[in-house]
Amino acid sequence: MIANTIIRNLTLEDCQPELMKKFNRYQEIKRCWRKHENNWVLIDNPHIGQWDDKQKYDKVYGFIECINTGGTVIGAFVDDELIGFASVINNLFGSNNDYVQLE
């Protein structure tokens, strides 16, 4: 754990556009799983995944929707800046309604 890390549930008050202003969602992808002729195969697919301001705004809107529908969003903060998050959507699914989606 990073020193001074605080992990807590986000509130609607937290869910302002500036919440993700400094968040850097950067990912170097080299290979991806794809379904080909009913089989999953690992293919080379090098690219960079990085969110722009619109994608960050959309994620904050998703947090609001999750909270408003009874889900939970958890944030990890260092010096009051969001460095990580997870959301659990309040929508049971599966044959026995015993699963929720971790987004």
Protein backbone atom coordinates (compact mmCIF):
# COMPACT_ATOMS: atom_id res chain seq x y z
CA MET A 1 0.00 0.00 0.00
CA ILE A 2 1.18 3.51 -0.83
CA ALA A 3 1.74 5.74 2.21
CA ASN A 4 -1.19 8.07 2.92
CA THR A 5 -3.61 5.92 0.91
CA ILE A 6 -7.25 6.22 1.90
CA ILE A 7 -9.79 3.71 0.61
CA ARG A 8 -13.45 4.61 1.03
CA ASN A 9 -16.89 4.48 -0.53
CA LEU A 10 -17.56 7.32 -2.93
CA THR A 11 -20.61 9.50 -2.39
CA LEU A 12 -22.65 11.43 -4.92
CA GLU A 13 -20.90 14.53 -3.59
CA ASP A 14 -17.55 13.01 -4.67
CA CYS A 15 -18.80 12.40 -8.21
CA GLN A 16 -17.85 15.72 -9.78
CA PRO A 17 -16.11 15.99 -13.18
CA GLU A 18 -12.84 17.03 -11.50
CA LEU A 19 -12.75 13.71 -9.58
CA MET A 20 -10.89 12.08 -12.48
CA LYS A 21 -9.04 15.15 -13.76
CA LYS A 22 -5.59 13.81 -12.81
CA PHE A 23 -6.50 10.12 -13.10
CA ASN A 24 -4.17 8.43 -15.59
CA ARG A 25 -5.76 5.34 -17.08
CA TYR A 26 -2.83 4.17 -19.19
CA GLN A 27 -2.37 0.62 -20.36
CA GLU A 28 0.03 -0.93 -22.87
CA ILE A 29 -1.66 -3.89 -24.50
CA LYS A 30 0.36 -6.44 -26.44
CA ARG A 31 -1.98 -9.40 -26.88
CA CYS A 32 -5.73 -9.99 -26.51
CA TRP A 33 -8.03 -12.98 -26.33
CA ARG A 34 -10.45 -13.18 -29.28
CA LYS A 35 -13.03 -15.78 -30.23
CA HIS A 36 -12.24 -17.36 -33.59
CA GLU A 37 -14.31 -20.25 -34.98
CA ASN A 38 -15.72 -21.15 -31.53
CA ASN A 39 -12.28 -21.14 -29.90
CA TRP A 40 -10.58 -18.50 -27.80
CA VAL A 41 -7.15 -17.61 -29.18
CA LEU A 42 -4.50 -15.17 -28.01
CA ILE A 43 -3.58 -12.78 -30.79
CA ASP A 44 -1.02 -10.02 -31.12
CA ASN A 45 -2.82 -6.69 -30.90
CA PRO A 46 -0.38 -4.05 -29.67
CA HIS A 47 -1.93 -0.72 -28.75
CA ILE A 48 -2.13 1.85 -25.97
CA GLY A 49 -5.31 2.19 -23.92
CA GLN A 50 -5.63 5.63 -22.39
CA TRP A 51 -8.74 7.57 -21.39
CA ASP A 52 -9.40 11.06 -22.70
CA ASP A 53 -11.41 13.68 -20.80
CA LYS A 54 -14.73 12.46 -22.25
CA GLN A 55 -14.08 8.88 -21.15
CA LYS A 56 -13.20 10.13 -17.66
CA TYR A 57 -16.43 12.19 -17.57
CA ASP A 58 -18.41 9.14 -18.71
CA LYS A 59 -16.85 7.05 -15.93
CA VAL A 60 -17.88 9.62 -13.29
CA TYR A 61 -21.42 9.59 -14.73
CA GLY A 62 -21.31 5.78 -14.44
CA PHE A 63 -20.34 6.12 -10.77
CA ILE A 64 -23.41 8.32 -10.22
CA GLU A 65 -25.66 5.82 -11.97
CA CYS A 66 -24.18 2.95 -9.94
CA ILE A 67 -24.72 4.76 -6.62
CA ASN A 68 -28.23 5.91 -7.56
CA THR A 69 -29.28 2.33 -8.33
CA GLY A 70 -28.01 0.91 -5.03
CA GLY A 71 -24.53 -0.10 -6.11
CA THR A 72 -21.25 0.77 -4.45
CA VAL A 73 -18.21 2.62 -5.76
CA ILE A 74 -14.98 2.39 -3.80
CA GLY A 75 -12.11 4.79 -4.40
CA ALA A 76 -8.46 4.74 -3.43
CA PHE A 77 -6.98 8.18 -2.80
CA VAL A 78 -3.50 9.55 -2.20
CA ASP A 79 -3.34 13.18 -1.13
CA ASP A 80 -7.02 13.56 -2.08
CA GLU A 81 -6.39 12.38 -5.66
CA LEU A 82 -8.17 9.31 -7.00
CA ILE A 83 -5.64 6.61 -7.96
CA GLY A 84 -7.94 3.60 -8.28
CA PHE A 85 -11.55 2.50 -8.03
CA ALA A 86 -13.98 -0.39 -8.26
CA SER A 87 -17.73 -0.42 -8.59
CA VAL A 88 -20.20 -3.17 -7.80
CA ILE A 89 -23.46 -2.82 -9.67
CA ASN A 90 -26.64 -3.66 -7.75
CA ASN A 91 -28.11 -5.96 -10.36
CA LEU A 92 -28.17 -9.65 -9.51
CA PHE A 93 -27.85 -12.05 -12.42
CA GLY A 94 -27.18 -15.71 -13.11
CA SER A 95 -29.51 -18.69 -13.01
CA ASN A 96 -29.91 -18.27 -9.23
CA ASN A 97 -29.49 -14.48 -9.12
CA ASP A 98 -26.31 -14.98 -7.11
CA TYR A 99 -23.86 -12.81 -9.08
CA VAL A 100 -23.16 -9.10 -9.26
CA GLN A 101 -20.93 -7.30 -11.70
CA LEU A 102 -17.64 -5.87 -10.50
CA GLU A 103 -16.82 -3.10 -12.92
